[in-house]
Amino acid sequence: MCNLKLVGAVDTRDGQMYHVFQATRRKILDSDRGSFTDLKTGNKMLIGDAVDQRLVEIEYDMDASGKVMVLYHD
């Protein structure tokens, strides 16, 4: 089993990564709907799709040993 934690998201207007709380306040992330909003275009996508596009940063436990892998926005 893998535990996921949402860490932050990119504001596509300025390319800046914001902590999850800031990203939620800025209306980039909607945790109730599980969506990411591209504020430059207004397009919405599932958080999983935003992770694939490197617009959302997550961290997760790889295994029971506690090894953690973090995906960062470039």
N, C-alpha and C. Protein backbone atom coordinates (compact mmCIF):
# COMPACT_ATOMS: atom_id res chain seq x y z
N MET A 1 0.84 -1.18 0.00
CA MET A 1 0.00 0.00 0.00
C MET A 1 0.88 1.24 0.00
N CYS A 2 0.45 2.26 -0.70
CA CYS A 2 1.22 3.48 -0.85
C CYS A 2 0.44 4.66 -0.28
N ASN A 3 1.07 5.41 0.61
CA ASN A 3 0.45 6.61 1.17
C ASN A 3 0.90 7.82 0.39
N LEU A 4 -0.06 8.59 -0.11
CA LEU A 4 0.24 9.80 -0.89
C LEU A 4 -0.05 11.03 -0.07
N LYS A 5 0.78 12.06 -0.26
CA LYS A 5 0.55 13.35 0.39
C LYS A 5 0.74 14.43 -0.65
N LEU A 6 -0.25 15.27 -0.81
CA LEU A 6 -0.18 16.41 -1.71
C LEU A 6 0.68 17.47 -1.04
N VAL A 7 1.70 17.96 -1.75
CA VAL A 7 2.63 18.92 -1.17
C VAL A 7 2.41 20.33 -1.71
N GLY A 8 2.19 20.46 -3.00
CA GLY A 8 2.01 21.78 -3.59
C GLY A 8 1.60 21.71 -5.04
N ALA A 9 1.42 22.90 -5.63
CA ALA A 9 1.00 22.97 -7.03
C ALA A 9 1.57 24.25 -7.66
N VAL A 10 1.68 24.19 -8.97
CA VAL A 10 2.22 25.30 -9.75
C VAL A 10 1.10 26.25 -10.17
N ASP A 11 1.35 27.54 -9.99
CA ASP A 11 0.47 28.55 -10.57
C ASP A 11 1.00 28.76 -11.99
N THR A 12 0.25 28.35 -12.97
CA THR A 12 0.72 28.38 -14.36
C THR A 12 0.88 29.79 -14.90
N ARG A 13 0.35 30.78 -14.18
CA ARG A 13 0.53 32.16 -14.64
C ARG A 13 1.95 32.66 -14.42
N ASP A 14 2.60 32.20 -13.33
CA ASP A 14 3.95 32.67 -13.04
C ASP A 14 4.97 31.54 -12.89
N GLY A 15 4.52 30.28 -12.96
CA GLY A 15 5.43 29.14 -12.85
C GLY A 15 5.90 28.85 -11.44
N GLN A 16 5.35 29.54 -10.47
CA GLN A 16 5.74 29.39 -9.07
C GLN A 16 5.03 28.21 -8.42
N MET A 17 5.79 27.42 -7.63
CA MET A 17 5.22 26.32 -6.87
C MET A 17 4.73 26.86 -5.53
N TYR A 18 3.48 26.55 -5.18
CA TYR A 18 2.90 27.00 -3.92
C TYR A 18 2.55 25.80 -3.06
N HIS A 19 2.78 25.93 -1.75
CA HIS A 19 2.41 24.91 -0.78
C HIS A 19 0.92 24.62 -0.94
N VAL A 20 0.51 23.43 -0.60
CA VAL A 20 -0.87 22.98 -0.82
C VAL A 20 -1.90 23.95 -0.22
N PHE A 21 -1.61 24.52 0.95
CA PHE A 21 -2.57 25.45 1.56
C PHE A 21 -2.68 26.74 0.74
N GLN A 22 -1.54 27.24 0.27
CA GLN A 22 -1.55 28.44 -0.57
C GLN A 22 -2.22 28.15 -1.91
N ALA A 23 -1.91 27.00 -2.48
CA ALA A 23 -2.49 26.61 -3.77
C ALA A 23 -4.01 26.48 -3.66
N THR A 24 -4.49 26.00 -2.53
CA THR A 24 -5.92 25.89 -2.32
C THR A 24 -6.55 27.28 -2.20
N ARG A 25 -5.91 28.16 -1.44
CA ARG A 25 -6.42 29.54 -1.30
C ARG A 25 -6.44 30.27 -2.64
N ARG A 26 -5.44 29.98 -3.49
CA ARG A 26 -5.36 30.63 -4.80
C ARG A 26 -6.29 29.98 -5.82
N LYS A 27 -7.04 28.95 -5.40
CA LYS A 27 -7.99 28.24 -6.27
C LYS A 27 -7.30 27.41 -7.35
N ILE A 28 -6.04 27.02 -7.09
CA ILE A 28 -5.32 26.14 -8.01
C ILE A 28 -5.74 24.69 -7.74
N LEU A 29 -5.85 24.34 -6.48
CA LEU A 29 -6.26 22.99 -6.08
C LEU A 29 -7.64 23.03 -5.45
N ASP A 30 -8.42 22.01 -5.75
CA ASP A 30 -9.73 21.82 -5.12
C ASP A 30 -9.73 20.38 -4.60
N SER A 31 -9.43 20.23 -3.32
CA SER A 31 -9.32 18.88 -2.75
C SER A 31 -10.68 18.18 -2.66
N ASP A 32 -11.76 18.95 -2.55
CA ASP A 32 -13.10 18.33 -2.51
C ASP A 32 -13.41 17.63 -3.83
N ARG A 33 -13.00 18.22 -4.92
CA ARG A 33 -13.25 17.64 -6.25
C ARG A 33 -12.07 16.85 -6.78
N GLY A 34 -10.92 16.96 -6.11
CA GLY A 34 -9.72 16.26 -6.57
C GLY A 34 -9.22 16.83 -7.88
N SER A 35 -9.30 18.17 -8.00
CA SER A 35 -8.94 18.78 -9.28
C SER A 35 -7.87 19.86 -9.14
N PHE A 36 -7.20 20.08 -10.25
CA PHE A 36 -6.20 21.14 -10.43
C PHE A 36 -6.75 22.08 -11.49
N THR A 37 -6.60 23.38 -11.26
CA THR A 37 -7.04 24.37 -12.25
C THR A 37 -5.83 25.11 -12.80
N ASP A 38 -5.69 25.09 -14.12
CA ASP A 38 -4.67 25.87 -14.80
C ASP A 38 -5.21 27.30 -14.86
N LEU A 39 -4.67 28.18 -14.01
CA LEU A 39 -5.19 29.53 -13.92
C LEU A 39 -4.89 30.38 -15.15
N LYS A 40 -3.95 29.93 -15.97
CA LYS A 40 -3.62 30.64 -17.20
C LYS A 40 -4.71 30.41 -18.26
N THR A 41 -5.21 29.17 -18.33
CA THR A 41 -6.18 28.82 -19.37
C THR A 41 -7.59 28.63 -18.82
N GLY A 42 -7.70 28.38 -17.51
CA GLY A 42 -8.99 28.07 -16.90
C GLY A 42 -9.37 26.61 -16.98
N ASN A 43 -8.54 25.79 -17.63
CA ASN A 43 -8.82 24.36 -17.76
C ASN A 43 -8.64 23.65 -16.43
N LYS A 44 -9.53 22.69 -16.17
CA LYS A 44 -9.46 21.87 -14.96
C LYS A 44 -9.08 20.45 -15.35
N MET A 45 -8.34 19.80 -14.45
CA MET A 45 -7.97 18.40 -14.67
C MET A 45 -7.89 17.69 -13.33
N LEU A 46 -7.95 16.37 -13.36
CA LEU A 46 -7.78 15.59 -12.15
C LEU A 46 -6.37 15.80 -11.61
N ILE A 47 -6.22 15.73 -10.29
CA ILE A 47 -4.91 15.92 -9.68
C ILE A 47 -3.91 14.91 -10.23
N GLY A 48 -4.34 13.68 -10.46
CA GLY A 48 -3.43 12.67 -11.03
C GLY A 48 -2.87 13.08 -12.38
N ASP A 49 -3.71 13.69 -13.20
CA ASP A 49 -3.24 14.17 -14.50
C ASP A 49 -2.27 15.34 -14.33
N ALA A 50 -2.52 16.19 -13.35
CA ALA A 50 -1.62 17.32 -13.07
C ALA A 50 -0.28 16.82 -12.55
N VAL A 51 -0.29 15.72 -11.79
CA VAL A 51 0.97 15.11 -11.33
C VAL A 51 1.75 14.63 -12.55
N ASP A 52 1.08 13.96 -13.47
CA ASP A 52 1.73 13.47 -14.69
C ASP A 52 2.36 14.61 -15.50
N GLN A 53 1.74 15.78 -15.44
CA GLN A 53 2.26 16.94 -16.18
C GLN A 53 3.21 17.78 -15.34
N ARG A 54 3.54 17.28 -14.15
CA ARG A 54 4.47 17.93 -13.22
C ARG A 54 3.99 19.30 -12.76
N LEU A 55 2.68 19.43 -12.63
CA LEU A 55 2.08 20.67 -12.14
C LEU A 55 1.73 20.57 -10.66
N VAL A 56 1.72 19.35 -10.14
CA VAL A 56 1.43 19.10 -8.73
C VAL A 56 2.56 18.26 -8.16
N GLU A 57 2.98 18.62 -6.95
CA GLU A 57 4.04 17.90 -6.26
C GLU A 57 3.41 17.00 -5.20
N ILE A 58 3.83 15.75 -5.19
CA ILE A 58 3.36 14.81 -4.17
C ILE A 58 4.56 14.13 -3.54
N GLU A 59 4.32 13.54 -2.38
CA GLU A 59 5.32 12.65 -1.79
C GLU A 59 4.59 11.38 -1.39
N TYR A 60 5.30 10.30 -1.40
CA TYR A 60 4.66 9.05 -1.03
C TYR A 60 5.68 8.08 -0.48
N ASP A 61 5.20 7.16 0.38
CA ASP A 61 6.03 6.10 0.95
C ASP A 61 6.17 5.01 -0.09
N MET A 62 7.41 4.63 -0.38
CA MET A 62 7.66 3.58 -1.36
C MET A 62 7.31 2.20 -0.82
N ASP A 63 7.64 1.96 0.45
CA ASP A 63 7.43 0.64 1.02
C ASP A 63 7.40 0.75 2.54
N ALA A 64 7.28 -0.38 3.21
CA ALA A 64 7.17 -0.41 4.66
C ALA A 64 8.46 0.03 5.36
N SER A 65 9.58 0.10 4.64
CA SER A 65 10.84 0.49 5.26
C SER A 65 10.88 1.98 5.58
N GLY A 66 9.88 2.73 5.10
CA GLY A 66 9.83 4.15 5.37
C GLY A 66 10.57 5.00 4.37
N LYS A 67 11.10 4.37 3.31
CA LYS A 67 11.79 5.13 2.27
C LYS A 67 10.79 6.02 1.58
N VAL A 68 11.12 7.30 1.45
CA VAL A 68 10.20 8.26 0.86
C VAL A 68 10.78 8.78 -0.45
N MET A 69 9.93 8.87 -1.46
CA MET A 69 10.33 9.44 -2.73
C MET A 69 9.48 10.68 -2.96
N VAL A 70 10.10 11.76 -3.37
CA VAL A 70 9.38 13.00 -3.60
C VAL A 70 9.52 13.37 -5.08
N LEU A 71 8.41 13.76 -5.70
CA LEU A 71 8.41 14.25 -7.07
C LEU A 71 8.36 15.75 -7.03
N TYR A 72 9.30 16.41 -7.68
CA TYR A 72 9.36 17.87 -7.68
C TYR A 72 9.09 18.43 -9.04
N HIS A 73 8.52 19.62 -9.04
CA HIS A 73 8.34 20.40 -10.27
C HIS A 73 9.70 20.91 -10.69
N ASP A 74 10.04 20.81 -11.95
CA ASP A 74 11.33 21.31 -12.46
C ASP A 74 11.30 22.80 -12.64
